Amino acid sequence: MGYSDLRIMFLHALPNSLAPVLVSIAFGIASAILVESGLSFLGIGVPPTTVTWGSLLAAARSATGAWWLAVFPGLAIFVVVTLFNVLGEALRDAIDPRLQAQ
């Protein structure tokens, strides 16, 4: 039809590729949080003096009577990872041009 390459890229290629990229970023952040907390729970990675959610969960293993030491960091990990996953899905639904045409 004679459209320039720049117009094709911005009107067709970019809108169709933006949604999968944003979803991948959101899931990647959630995955990075899980990997970091898992490795710090095992004592691998960050220095032992650095406080992370995984190190808090590891410290809670020795204090079995203090249930809150395990519940709140675990709940924080769960909430943050779930929010990033929901955010990724919401961005996909909001930006996906195939869903906007309906």
Protein backbone atom coordinates (compact mmCIF):
# COMPACT_ATOMS: atom_id res chain seq x y z
CA MET A 1 0.00 0.00 0.00
CA GLY A 2 3.03 2.22 0.00
CA TYR A 3 3.39 2.80 3.75
CA SER A 4 6.84 3.66 5.03
CA ASP A 5 8.77 1.19 7.14
CA LEU A 6 8.62 3.53 10.13
CA ARG A 7 4.83 3.74 9.96
CA ILE A 8 4.52 -0.05 9.74
CA MET A 9 6.81 -0.51 12.72
CA PHE A 10 5.00 1.99 14.97
CA LEU A 11 1.44 1.12 13.97
CA HIS A 12 1.68 -2.66 13.63
CA ALA A 13 4.88 -4.22 14.93
CA LEU A 14 5.30 -2.22 18.15
CA PRO A 15 1.72 -2.62 19.49
CA ASN A 16 1.79 -6.35 18.77
CA SER A 17 5.17 -6.89 20.42
CA LEU A 18 4.73 -4.61 23.43
CA ALA A 19 2.26 -6.79 25.36
CA PRO A 20 4.39 -9.98 25.35
CA VAL A 21 7.49 -7.99 26.33
CA LEU A 22 5.75 -6.36 29.32
CA VAL A 23 4.35 -9.69 30.48
CA SER A 24 7.79 -11.25 30.19
CA ILE A 25 9.29 -8.41 32.26
CA ALA A 26 6.64 -8.78 34.99
CA PHE A 27 7.11 -12.55 35.18
CA GLY A 28 10.89 -12.11 35.10
CA ILE A 29 10.79 -9.80 38.12
CA ALA A 30 8.60 -12.25 40.01
CA SER A 31 10.94 -15.08 39.08
CA ALA A 32 13.99 -13.07 40.19
CA ILE A 33 12.38 -12.43 43.58
CA LEU A 34 11.69 -16.15 44.03
CA VAL A 35 15.20 -17.14 42.94
CA GLU A 36 16.86 -14.58 45.22
CA SER A 37 14.79 -15.53 48.23
CA GLY A 38 15.39 -19.21 47.57
CA LEU A 39 19.14 -18.77 47.25
CA SER A 40 19.38 -16.55 50.30
CA PHE A 41 17.30 -19.10 52.23
CA LEU A 42 19.97 -21.66 51.37
CA GLY A 43 22.75 -19.23 52.31
CA ILE A 44 24.02 -18.80 48.76
CA GLY A 45 24.51 -15.44 47.08
CA VAL A 46 24.26 -12.31 49.19
CA PRO A 47 26.48 -11.90 52.26
CA PRO A 48 25.05 -13.30 55.51
CA THR A 49 24.89 -9.82 57.04
CA THR A 50 22.43 -8.64 54.37
CA VAL A 51 18.82 -9.05 55.43
CA THR A 52 16.58 -10.55 52.75
CA TRP A 53 13.29 -12.39 52.81
CA GLY A 54 15.06 -15.69 52.30
CA SER A 55 17.51 -15.06 55.13
CA LEU A 56 14.60 -14.12 57.41
CA LEU A 57 12.92 -17.42 56.57
CA ALA A 58 16.17 -19.29 57.22
CA ALA A 59 16.51 -17.59 60.60
CA ALA A 60 12.93 -18.55 61.44
CA ARG A 61 13.83 -22.24 61.12
CA SER A 62 15.81 -22.10 64.35
CA ALA A 63 13.08 -20.25 66.28
CA THR A 64 10.17 -22.68 65.98
CA GLY A 65 8.19 -21.02 68.76
CA ALA A 66 8.11 -17.67 66.97
CA TRP A 67 5.73 -18.43 64.12
CA TRP A 68 5.57 -14.80 62.99
CA LEU A 69 9.22 -14.90 61.92
CA ALA A 70 8.25 -17.30 59.14
CA VAL A 71 4.72 -16.14 58.36
CA PHE A 72 5.33 -12.47 57.58
CA PRO A 73 8.37 -12.84 55.24
CA GLY A 74 6.66 -15.77 53.52
CA LEU A 75 3.47 -13.78 53.16
CA ALA A 76 5.43 -10.82 51.81
CA ILE A 77 7.08 -13.00 49.16
CA PHE A 78 3.71 -14.48 48.22
CA VAL A 79 1.98 -11.11 47.95
CA VAL A 80 4.74 -9.42 45.93
CA VAL A 81 5.12 -12.31 43.47
CA THR A 82 1.35 -12.59 43.06
CA LEU A 83 1.05 -8.83 42.47
CA PHE A 84 3.73 -8.92 39.77
CA ASN A 85 1.96 -11.82 38.07
CA VAL A 86 -1.40 -10.05 38.23
CA LEU A 87 0.22 -6.83 37.00
CA GLY A 88 1.70 -8.68 34.02
CA GLU A 89 -1.65 -10.19 33.11
CA ALA A 90 -3.43 -6.85 33.51
CA LEU A 91 -0.87 -5.12 31.30
CA ARG A 92 -1.31 -7.81 28.69
CA ASP A 93 -5.07 -7.38 28.74
CA ALA A 94 -4.84 -3.59 28.61
CA ILE A 95 -2.24 -3.31 25.84
CA ASP A 96 -2.94 -6.31 23.60
CA PRO A 97 -4.36 -4.89 20.35
CA ARG A 98 -6.14 -8.15 19.51
CA LEU A 99 -8.26 -7.77 22.65
CA GLN A 100 -9.01 -4.08 22.01
CA ALA A 101 -10.56 -4.75 18.61
CA GLN A 102 -13.46 -6.67 20.15
